[in-house]
C-alpha atoms as a PDB file:
ATOM      1  CA  UNK A   1      13.972 -16.171  22.029  1.00  0.00           C
ATOM      2  CA  UNK A   2      11.585 -14.703  24.190  1.00  0.00           C
ATOM      3  CA  UNK A   3      13.930 -11.764  25.608  1.00  0.00           C
ATOM      4  CA  UNK A   4      15.918 -11.471  22.258  1.00  0.00           C
ATOM      5  CA  UNK A   5      11.791 -10.476  20.462  1.00  0.00           C
ATOM      6  CA  UNK A   6      11.168  -8.314  23.359  1.00  0.00           C
ATOM      7  CA  UNK A   7      14.660  -6.636  23.228  1.00  0.00           C
ATOM      8  CA  UNK A   8      14.173  -5.958  19.465  1.00  0.00           C
ATOM      9  CA  UNK A   9      10.539  -5.040  19.963  1.00  0.00           C
ATOM     10  CA  UNK A  10      11.500  -2.491  21.962  1.00  0.00           C
ATOM     11  CA  UNK A  11      13.780   0.224  20.161  1.00  0.00           C
ATOM     12  CA  UNK A  12      11.248  -1.203  16.352  1.00  0.00           C
ATOM     13  CA  UNK A  13      10.494   2.309  14.629  1.00  0.00           C
ATOM     14  CA  UNK A  14       7.549   1.228  12.384  1.00  0.00           C
ATOM     15  CA  UNK A  15       6.709   5.229  11.174  1.00  0.00           C
ATOM     16  CA  UNK A  16      10.356   6.046  10.754  1.00  0.00           C
ATOM     17  CA  UNK A  17      11.023   2.428   8.784  1.00  0.00           C
ATOM     18  CA  UNK A  18       8.076   3.945   6.624  1.00  0.00           C
ATOM     19  CA  UNK A  19       9.353   7.187   5.962  1.00  0.00           C
ATOM     20  CA  UNK A  20      12.457   5.866   5.485  1.00  0.00           C
ATOM     21  CA  UNK A  21      11.564   3.622   3.000  1.00  0.00           C
ATOM     22  CA  UNK A  22       9.233   5.925   0.837  1.00  0.00           C
ATOM     23  CA  UNK A  23      11.964   8.575   1.131  1.00  0.00           C
ATOM     24  CA  UNK A  24      14.632   6.206  -0.193  1.00  0.00           C
ATOM     25  CA  UNK A  25      12.276   4.896  -3.120  1.00  0.00           C
ATOM     26  CA  UNK A  26      10.642   7.547  -3.980  1.00  0.00           C
ATOM     27  CA  UNK A  27      13.525   9.823  -4.355  1.00  0.00           C
ATOM     28  CA  UNK A  28      15.225   7.117  -6.736  1.00  0.00           C
ATOM     29  CA  UNK A  29      11.850   6.393  -8.904  1.00  0.00           C
ATOM     30  CA  UNK A  30      11.423  10.328  -9.203  1.00  0.00           C
ATOM     31  CA  UNK A  31      14.730  10.816 -10.403  1.00  0.00           C
ATOM     32  CA  UNK A  32      13.614   8.075 -13.370  1.00  0.00           C
ATOM     33  CA  UNK A  33      10.796  10.742 -13.598  1.00  0.00           C
ATOM     34  CA  UNK A  34      12.790  13.261 -13.693  1.00  0.00           C
ATOM     35  CA  UNK A  35      15.896  13.249 -15.451  1.00  0.00           C
ATOM     36  CA  UNK A  36      16.188  11.646 -19.017  1.00  0.00           C
ATOM     37  CA  UNK A  37      18.643   8.728 -18.818  1.00  0.00           C
ATOM     38  CA  UNK A  38      19.877   5.884 -21.414  1.00  0.00           C
ATOM     39  CA  UNK A  39      18.131   3.202 -21.295  1.00  0.00           C
ATOM     40  CA  UNK A  40      20.505   0.530 -20.360  1.00  0.00           C
ATOM     41  CA  UNK A  41      20.391   2.427 -16.649  1.00  0.00           C
ATOM     42  CA  UNK A  42      16.718   2.409 -16.452  1.00  0.00           C
ATOM     43  CA  UNK A  43      16.202  -1.152 -14.771  1.00  0.00           C
ATOM     44  CA  UNK A  44      19.051  -0.717 -12.436  1.00  0.00           C
ATOM     45  CA  UNK A  45      17.963   2.383 -11.323  1.00  0.00           C
ATOM     46  CA  UNK A  46      14.141   1.173 -10.897  1.00  0.00           C
ATOM     47  CA  UNK A  47      15.826  -1.731  -8.903  1.00  0.00           C
ATOM     48  CA  UNK A  48      18.105   0.301  -6.536  1.00  0.00           C
ATOM     49  CA  UNK A  49      14.877   2.338  -5.801  1.00  0.00           C
ATOM     50  CA  UNK A  50      13.015  -1.049  -4.214  1.00  0.00           C
ATOM     51  CA  UNK A  51      15.705  -1.447  -1.686  1.00  0.00           C
ATOM     52  CA  UNK A  52      14.185   1.611   0.304  1.00  0.00           C
ATOM     53  CA  UNK A  53      12.988  -1.029   2.868  1.00  0.00           C
ATOM     54  CA  UNK A  54      15.574  -3.303   3.277  1.00  0.00           C
ATOM     55  CA  UNK A  55      18.451  -0.270   3.360  1.00  0.00           C
ATOM     56  CA  UNK A  56      15.829   1.127   5.995  1.00  0.00           C
ATOM     57  CA  UNK A  57      15.656  -1.860   7.849  1.00  0.00           C
ATOM     58  CA  UNK A  58      19.388  -2.349   8.142  1.00  0.00           C
ATOM     59  CA  UNK A  59      20.057   0.742   9.114  1.00  0.00           C
ATOM     60  CA  UNK A  60      17.652   1.150  11.711  1.00  0.00           C
ATOM     61  CA  UNK A  61      18.684  -2.673  13.221  1.00  0.00           C
ATOM     62  CA  UNK A  62      22.506  -1.671  13.353  1.00  0.00           C
ATOM     63  CA  UNK A  63      21.764   1.799  14.397  1.00  0.00           C
ATOM     64  CA  UNK A  64      19.380   1.171  17.304  1.00  0.00           C
ATOM     65  CA  UNK A  65      19.932  -2.502  18.448  1.00  0.00           C
ATOM     66  CA  UNK A  66      22.193  -4.258  20.469  1.00  0.00           C
ATOM     67  CA  UNK A  67      24.385  -7.287  19.406  1.00  0.00           C
ATOM     68  CA  UNK A  68      22.002  -9.653  20.227  1.00  0.00           C
ATOM     69  CA  UNK A  69      19.502  -8.517  18.355  1.00  0.00           C
ATOM     70  CA  UNK A  70      21.378  -7.575  15.586  1.00  0.00           C
ATOM     71  CA  UNK A  71      22.835 -11.144  15.302  1.00  0.00           C
ATOM     72  CA  UNK A  72      19.184 -12.500  15.755  1.00  0.00           C
ATOM     73  CA  UNK A  73      18.157 -10.289  12.641  1.00  0.00           C
ATOM     74  CA  UNK A  74      20.965 -11.901  10.530  1.00  0.00           C
ATOM     75  CA  UNK A  75      20.375 -15.224  11.677  1.00  0.00           C
ATOM     76  CA  UNK A  76      16.503 -14.697  10.317  1.00  0.00           C
ATOM     77  CA  UNK A  77      17.468 -13.699   6.898  1.00  0.00           C
ATOM     78  CA  UNK A  78      20.439 -16.533   6.701  1.00  0.00           C
ATOM     79  CA  UNK A  79      18.960 -19.516   8.496  1.00  0.00           C
ATOM     80  CA  UNK A  80      17.952 -22.425   6.651  1.00  0.00           C
ATOM     81  CA  UNK A  81      17.146 -24.198  10.300  1.00  0.00           C
ATOM     82  CA  UNK A  82      14.002 -22.175  11.042  1.00  0.00           C
ATOM     83  CA  UNK A  83      11.954 -23.120   8.243  1.00  0.00           C
ATOM     84  CA  UNK A  84      10.569 -26.630   8.411  1.00  0.00           C
ATOM     85  CA  UNK A  85      10.749 -28.943   5.517  1.00  0.00           C
ATOM     86  CA  UNK A  86       6.879 -29.006   5.225  1.00  0.00           C
ATOM     87  CA  UNK A  87       6.927 -24.989   4.703  1.00  0.00           C
ATOM     88  CA  UNK A  88       9.799 -25.563   2.380  1.00  0.00           C
ATOM     89  CA  UNK A  89       7.068 -27.536   0.334  1.00  0.00           C
ATOM     90  CA  UNK A  90       4.547 -24.896   1.082  1.00  0.00           C
ATOM     91  CA  UNK A  91       7.060 -22.334   0.344  1.00  0.00           C
ATOM     92  CA  UNK A  92       8.175 -23.584  -3.230  1.00  0.00           C
ATOM     93  CA  UNK A  93       4.246 -25.275  -3.981  1.00  0.00           C
ATOM     94  CA  UNK A  94       1.778 -22.390  -3.354  1.00  0.00           C
ATOM     95  CA  UNK A  95       1.738 -19.651  -5.967  1.00  0.00           C
ATOM     96  CA  UNK A  96       2.437 -22.263  -8.733  1.00  0.00           C
ATOM     97  CA  UNK A  97      -0.599 -24.330  -7.269  1.00  0.00           C
ATOM     98  CA  UNK A  98      -2.970 -21.402  -7.355  1.00  0.00           C
ATOM     99  CA  UNK A  99      -1.521 -20.380 -10.508  1.00  0.00           C
ATOM    100  CA  UNK A 100      -2.596 -23.864 -12.333  1.00  0.00           C
ATOM    101  CA  UNK A 101      -5.755 -24.147 -10.326  1.00  0.00           C
ATOM    102  CA  UNK A 102      -6.498 -20.193 -11.778  1.00  0.00           C
ATOM    103  CA  UNK A 103      -5.896 -21.292 -15.072  1.00  0.00           C
ATOM    104  CA  UNK A 104      -8.056 -24.158 -14.871  1.00  0.00           C
ATOM    105  CA  UNK A 105     -10.997 -22.335 -13.583  1.00  0.00           C
ATOM    106  CA  UNK A 106     -10.046 -19.852 -16.625  1.00  0.00           C
ATOM    107  CA  UNK A 107     -10.369 -22.377 -19.327  1.00  0.00           C
ATOM    108  CA  UNK A 108     -13.744 -23.146 -18.115  1.00  0.00           C
ATOM    109  CA  UNK A 109     -14.846 -19.391 -19.090  1.00  0.00           C
ATOM    110  CA  UNK A 110     -12.776 -19.537 -22.461  1.00  0.00           C
ATOM    111  CA  UNK A 111      -9.281 -18.204 -21.338  1.00  0.00           C
ATOM    112  CA  UNK A 112      -5.800 -19.961 -22.058  1.00  0.00           C
ATOM    113  CA  UNK A 113      -3.083 -20.519 -20.051  1.00  0.00           C
ATOM    114  CA  UNK A 114       0.190 -19.210 -21.213  1.00  0.00           C
ATOM    115  CA  UNK A 115       2.879 -21.765 -22.582  1.00  0.00           C
ATOM    116  CA  UNK A 116       5.307 -22.123 -19.578  1.00  0.00           C
ATOM    117  CA  UNK A 117       8.167 -21.378 -22.191  1.00  0.00           C
ATOM    118  CA  UNK A 118       6.788 -17.736 -22.320  1.00  0.00           C
ATOM    119  CA  UNK A 119       7.809 -17.624 -18.365  1.00  0.00           C
ATOM    120  CA  UNK A 120      11.459 -17.828 -20.223  1.00  0.00           C
ATOM    121  CA  UNK A 121      11.371 -16.171 -23.092  1.00  0.00           C
ATOM    122  CA  UNK A 122      14.073 -14.107 -24.295  1.00  0.00           C
ATOM    123  CA  UNK A 123      16.555 -16.110 -22.205  1.00  0.00           C
ATOM    124  CA  UNK A 124      18.770 -17.652 -24.804  1.00  0.00           C
ATOM    125  CA  UNK A 125      21.910 -17.925 -23.355  1.00  0.00           C
ATOM    126  CA  UNK A 126      23.391 -18.791 -19.641  1.00  0.00           C
ATOM    127  CA  UNK A 127      24.144 -15.208 -19.276  1.00  0.00           C
ATOM    128  CA  UNK A 128      20.879 -13.952 -19.987  1.00  0.00           C
ATOM    129  CA  UNK A 129      19.305 -16.808 -17.569  1.00  0.00           C
ATOM    130  CA  UNK A 130      21.707 -15.637 -14.669  1.00  0.00           C
ATOM    131  CA  UNK A 131      20.686 -11.918 -15.194  1.00  0.00           C
ATOM    132  CA  UNK A 132      16.857 -13.129 -15.116  1.00  0.00           C
ATOM    133  CA  UNK A 133      17.766 -14.607 -11.919  1.00  0.00           C
ATOM    134  CA  UNK A 134      19.407 -11.960 -10.171  1.00  0.00           C
ATOM    135  CA  UNK A 135      16.518  -9.515 -11.204  1.00  0.00           C
ATOM    136  CA  UNK A 136      13.808 -12.055  -9.558  1.00  0.00           C
ATOM    137  CA  UNK A 137      16.166 -12.415  -6.800  1.00  0.00           C
ATOM    138  CA  UNK A 138      17.038  -8.794  -5.754  1.00  0.00           C
ATOM    139  CA  UNK A 139      14.284  -6.583  -7.735  1.00  0.00           C
ATOM    140  CA  UNK A 140      11.534  -7.442  -4.460  1.00  0.00           C
ATOM    141  CA  UNK A 141      12.326 -10.538  -2.624  1.00  0.00           C
ATOM    142  CA  UNK A 142      16.050  -8.889  -1.507  1.00  0.00           C
ATOM    143  CA  UNK A 143      15.225  -5.634  -2.212  1.00  0.00           C
ATOM    144  CA  UNK A 144      11.896  -5.543   0.167  1.00  0.00           C
ATOM    145  CA  UNK A 145      11.399  -8.449   2.732  1.00  0.00           C
ATOM    146  CA  UNK A 146      14.142  -7.384   5.207  1.00  0.00           C
ATOM    147  CA  UNK A 147      11.874  -4.416   5.403  1.00  0.00           C
ATOM    148  CA  UNK A 148       8.767  -5.418   5.394  1.00  0.00           C
ATOM    149  CA  UNK A 149       8.409  -8.589   7.137  1.00  0.00           C
ATOM    150  CA  UNK A 150      12.038  -8.764   8.683  1.00  0.00           C
ATOM    151  CA  UNK A 151      11.619  -5.359  10.559  1.00  0.00           C
ATOM    152  CA  UNK A 152       8.119  -3.714  10.593  1.00  0.00           C
ATOM    153  CA  UNK A 153       5.553  -6.529  10.999  1.00  0.00           C
ATOM    154  CA  UNK A 154       6.522  -7.862  14.573  1.00  0.00           C
ATOM    155  CA  UNK A 155       5.600  -4.442  15.847  1.00  0.00           C
ATOM    156  CA  UNK A 156       2.510  -4.203  13.224  1.00  0.00           C
ATOM    157  CA  UNK A 157       1.161  -6.813  14.012  1.00  0.00           C
ATOM    158  CA  UNK A 158       1.682  -7.087  17.787  1.00  0.00           C
ATOM    159  CA  UNK A 159      -0.292  -3.545  17.972  1.00  0.00           C
ATOM    160  CA  UNK A 160      -2.852  -4.851  15.507  1.00  0.00           C
ATOM    161  CA  UNK A 161      -3.358  -8.441  15.648  1.00  0.00           C
ATOM    162  CA  UNK A 162      -1.968 -10.696  12.556  1.00  0.00           C
ATOM    163  CA  UNK A 163      -4.652 -10.112  10.173  1.00  0.00           C
ATOM    164  CA  UNK A 164      -5.241  -6.320  10.733  1.00  0.00           C
ATOM    165  CA  UNK A 165      -1.430  -5.768  11.119  1.00  0.00           C
ATOM    166  CA  UNK A 166      -1.074  -7.757   7.615  1.00  0.00           C
ATOM    167  CA  UNK A 167      -3.512  -5.168   6.296  1.00  0.00           C
ATOM    168  CA  UNK A 168      -1.948  -2.171   7.530  1.00  0.00           C
ATOM    169  CA  UNK A 169       1.437  -3.435   6.283  1.00  0.00           C
ATOM    170  CA  UNK A 170      -0.979  -4.216   2.718  1.00  0.00           C
ATOM    171  CA  UNK A 171      -1.643  -0.820   2.577  1.00  0.00           C
ATOM    172  CA  UNK A 172       1.644   0.708   2.632  1.00  0.00           C
ATOM    173  CA  UNK A 173       3.011  -1.623   0.383  1.00  0.00           C
ATOM    174  CA  UNK A 174       0.297  -0.417  -2.339  1.00  0.00           C
ATOM    175  CA  UNK A 175       1.599   3.307  -1.290  1.00  0.00           C
ATOM    176  CA  UNK A 176       4.854   2.574  -1.913  1.00  0.00           C
ATOM    177  CA  UNK A 177       4.459   0.842  -4.997  1.00  0.00           C
ATOM    178  CA  UNK A 178       2.648   3.956  -6.578  1.00  0.00           C
ATOM    179  CA  UNK A 179       5.650   5.868  -8.510  1.00  0.00           C
ATOM    180  CA  UNK A 180       5.998   2.603 -10.993  1.00  0.00           C
ATOM    181  CA  UNK A 181       2.663   3.283 -12.158  1.00  0.00           C
ATOM    182  CA  UNK A 182       4.298   6.787 -13.739  1.00  0.00           C
ATOM    183  CA  UNK A 183       6.970   4.918 -15.408  1.00  0.00           C
ATOM    184  CA  UNK A 184       6.832   3.423 -18.602  1.00  0.00           C
ATOM    185  CA  UNK A 185       8.444  -0.180 -19.379  1.00  0.00           C
ATOM    186  CA  UNK A 186       7.149  -1.043 -15.432  1.00  0.00           C
ATOM    187  CA  UNK A 187       4.426  -3.600 -14.865  1.00  0.00           C
ATOM    188  CA  UNK A 188       2.414  -1.630 -12.740  1.00  0.00           C
ATOM    189  CA  UNK A 189       2.668   1.186 -15.570  1.00  0.00           C
ATOM    190  CA  UNK A 190       1.174  -1.381 -18.059  1.00  0.00           C
ATOM    191  CA  UNK A 191      -1.404  -2.287 -15.476  1.00  0.00           C
ATOM    192  CA  UNK A 192      -2.462   1.408 -15.304  1.00  0.00           C
ATOM    193  CA  UNK A 193      -5.548   2.845 -12.556  1.00  0.00           C
ATOM    194  CA  UNK A 194      -8.577   0.495 -13.951  1.00  0.00           C
ATOM    195  CA  UNK A 195     -10.205  -2.815 -12.721  1.00  0.00           C
ATOM    196  CA  UNK A 196      -6.164  -4.424 -12.725  1.00  0.00           C
ATOM    197  CA  UNK A 197      -5.050  -1.334 -10.053  1.00  0.00           C
ATOM    198  CA  UNK A 198      -7.703  -2.568  -8.007  1.00  0.00           C
ATOM    199  CA  UNK A 199      -7.279  -6.350  -8.331  1.00  0.00           C
ATOM    200  CA  UNK A 200      -3.227  -5.896  -8.105  1.00  0.00           C
ATOM    201  CA  UNK A 201      -3.845  -4.358  -4.785  1.00  0.00           C
ATOM    202  CA  UNK A 202      -5.958  -7.253  -3.175  1.00  0.00           C
ATOM    203  CA  UNK A 203      -3.049  -8.791  -4.547  1.00  0.00           C
ATOM    204  CA  UNK A 204      -0.760  -7.434  -2.390  1.00  0.00           C
ATOM    205  CA  UNK A 205      -3.037  -7.328   0.828  1.00  0.00           C
ATOM    206  CA  UNK A 206      -3.651 -10.971  -0.084  1.00  0.00           C
ATOM    207  CA  UNK A 207       0.453 -11.267  -0.214  1.00  0.00           C
ATOM    208  CA  UNK A 208       0.425  -9.736   2.747  1.00  0.00           C
ATOM    209  CA  UNK A 209      -1.215 -11.830   4.815  1.00  0.00           C
ATOM    210  CA  UNK A 210       0.144 -14.968   3.523  1.00  0.00           C
ATOM    211  CA  UNK A 211       3.356 -13.828   4.377  1.00  0.00           C
ATOM    212  CA  UNK A 212       2.696 -12.779   7.610  1.00  0.00           C
ATOM    213  CA  UNK A 213       0.816 -16.692   8.101  1.00  0.00           C
ATOM    214  CA  UNK A 214       4.041 -18.574   7.036  1.00  0.00           C
ATOM    215  CA  UNK A 215       6.620 -16.246   8.869  1.00  0.00           C
ATOM    216  CA  UNK A 216       4.763 -16.934  11.964  1.00  0.00           C
ATOM    217  CA  UNK A 217       5.014 -20.073  11.163  1.00  0.00           C
ATOM    218  CA  UNK A 218       8.502 -20.110  10.489  1.00  0.00           C
ATOM    219  CA  UNK A 219      10.403 -19.071  13.438  1.00  0.00           C
ATOM    220  CA  UNK A 220       9.691 -15.654  12.086  1.00  0.00           C
ATOM    221  CA  UNK A 221      12.114 -16.281   9.112  1.00  0.00           C
ATOM    222  CA  UNK A 222      12.929 -13.465   6.799  1.00  0.00           C
ATOM    223  CA  UNK A 223      14.666 -16.003   4.508  1.00  0.00           C
ATOM    224  CA  UNK A 224      10.874 -17.773   4.083  1.00  0.00           C
ATOM    225  CA  UNK A 225       9.638 -14.633   3.341  1.00  0.00           C
ATOM    226  CA  UNK A 226      12.513 -13.590   0.663  1.00  0.00           C
ATOM    227  CA  UNK A 227      11.731 -17.391  -0.897  1.00  0.00           C
ATOM    228  CA  UNK A 228       7.770 -16.937  -0.961  1.00  0.00           C
ATOM    229  CA  UNK A 229       8.060 -13.532  -2.668  1.00  0.00           C
ATOM    230  CA  UNK A 230      10.315 -15.088  -5.295  1.00  0.00           C
ATOM    231  CA  UNK A 231       7.681 -18.167  -5.788  1.00  0.00           C
ATOM    232  CA  UNK A 232       4.802 -15.251  -5.865  1.00  0.00           C
ATOM    233  CA  UNK A 233       6.964 -13.475  -8.758  1.00  0.00           C
ATOM    234  CA  UNK A 234       7.866 -16.374 -10.466  1.00  0.00           C
ATOM    235  CA  UNK A 235       3.943 -17.594 -10.483  1.00  0.00           C
ATOM    236  CA  UNK A 236       2.229 -14.710 -11.116  1.00  0.00           C
ATOM    237  CA  UNK A 237      -0.631 -14.715 -13.927  1.00  0.00           C
ATOM    238  CA  UNK A 238       0.194 -11.684 -16.458  1.00  0.00           C
ATOM    239  CA  UNK A 239      -2.065 -10.286 -19.160  1.00  0.00           C
ATOM    240  CA  UNK A 240      -5.628 -11.248 -17.694  1.00  0.00           C
ATOM    241  CA  UNK A 241      -8.679 -10.026 -19.145  1.00  0.00           C
ATOM    242  CA  UNK A 242     -11.259  -9.117 -16.197  1.00  0.00           C
ATOM    243  CA  UNK A 243     -12.544 -12.500 -16.143  1.00  0.00           C
ATOM    244  CA  UNK A 244      -9.172 -13.866 -15.545  1.00  0.00           C
ATOM    245  CA  UNK A 245      -8.691 -11.097 -12.826  1.00  0.00           C
ATOM    246  CA  UNK A 246     -11.750 -11.671 -11.241  1.00  0.00           C
ATOM    247  CA  UNK A 247     -11.467 -15.507 -10.777  1.00  0.00           C
ATOM    248  CA  UNK A 248      -7.780 -14.992  -9.419  1.00  0.00           C
ATOM    249  CA  UNK A 249      -9.176 -12.170  -6.941  1.00  0.00           C
ATOM    250  CA  UNK A 250     -11.788 -14.933  -5.904  1.00  0.00           C
ATOM    251  CA  UNK A 251      -9.554 -17.637  -5.400  1.00  0.00           C
ATOM    252  CA  UNK A 252      -7.159 -15.242  -3.096  1.00  0.00           C
ATOM    253  CA  UNK A 253     -10.107 -14.094  -1.508  1.00  0.00           C
ATOM    254  CA  UNK A 254     -11.029 -17.655  -0.481  1.00  0.00           C
ATOM    255  CA  UNK A 255      -7.529 -18.018   1.051  1.00  0.00           C
ATOM    256  CA  UNK A 256      -7.533 -15.288   2.858  1.00  0.00           C
ATOM    257  CA  UNK A 257     -10.621 -16.207   4.713  1.00  0.00           C
ATOM    258  CA  UNK A 258      -9.578 -19.645   5.772  1.00  0.00           C
ATOM    259  CA  UNK A 259      -6.069 -18.432   6.795  1.00  0.00           C
ATOM    260  CA  UNK A 260      -8.337 -15.170   8.610  1.00  0.00           C
ATOM    261  CA  UNK A 261     -10.486 -18.674   9.969  1.00  0.00           C
ATOM    262  CA  UNK A 262      -7.159 -20.642  11.129  1.00  0.00           C
ATOM    263  CA  UNK A 263      -6.133 -17.375  13.288  1.00  0.00           C
ATOM    264  CA  UNK A 264      -9.707 -17.534  14.855  1.00  0.00           C
ATOM    265  CA  UNK A 265      -8.964 -20.552  16.290  1.00  0.00           C
ATOM    266  CA  UNK A 266      -5.401 -20.299  17.946  1.00  0.00           C
ATOM    267  CA  UNK A 267      -3.849 -18.047  20.504  1.00  0.00           C
ATOM    268  CA  UNK A 268      -3.561 -14.171  20.129  1.00  0.00           C
ATOM    269  CA  UNK A 269      -0.597 -13.466  17.899  1.00  0.00           C
ATOM    270  CA  UNK A 270       0.995 -11.674  20.595  1.00  0.00           C
ATOM    271  CA  UNK A 271       1.298 -14.808  22.353  1.00  0.00           C
ATOM    272  CA  UNK A 272       2.735 -17.085  19.527  1.00  0.00           C
ATOM    273  CA  UNK A 273       5.558 -14.090  19.296  1.00  0.00           C
ATOM    274  CA  UNK A 274       6.249 -14.118  22.330  1.00  0.00           C
ATOM    275  CA  UNK A 275       6.554 -17.925  22.579  1.00  0.00           C
ATOM    276  CA  UNK A 276       8.963 -17.977  19.423  1.00  0.00           C
END
């Protein structure tokens, strides 16, 4: 794996990747703002715009890499074997555990956990459930992770280290979402630019750090990032009051500090990547 990684690292173009990702997504989302369109097209076009990172990564990998590196990229997307069973458990339980813990603490301050069935409101038929599943998988996990973790994370953490590289990626992740705050009907538009915006921004930096930790411990598995992103979306607390937002922010901060401490006890990420 060492030679494969080094071959991939050399042609990686993080700034070109960011430019292509932002250009595609912002042009598509800008069209939503500038051009009146039927409501039936709104969601498909928003999801199309979300594919900027993945489209950019696939284009750069296919255009700039040799056959071995392209094979390694798609193996990291599709291989189930890269993720050990312990990490599968972590991926599927981590965010639900935060969800339950956060609401448990929130209950002491007068908050209440939404009923489980609210996560599936409006899904009255199998067709509705299938559409919901496709949106949850495509509109974020698949649309983004082949780019964020699959392409640009390695050069960022190779240059700046795991923690700082994750924070830099988190910053670009926040900026990439900004047009969605001006599109009515999106969850970002509902948040606005008040306290919830800053809580959400920290959430993305937190996610970036957690995703890097899982990615580095699953043989650079892009599939692991896709599944983790899916679970993060499925177990995301919504409609929180400022107290609830603060509670979840503190829980996330404590987790980030624990991960940062764990990284300090191990060899540098550069050495970990070279060994992978």
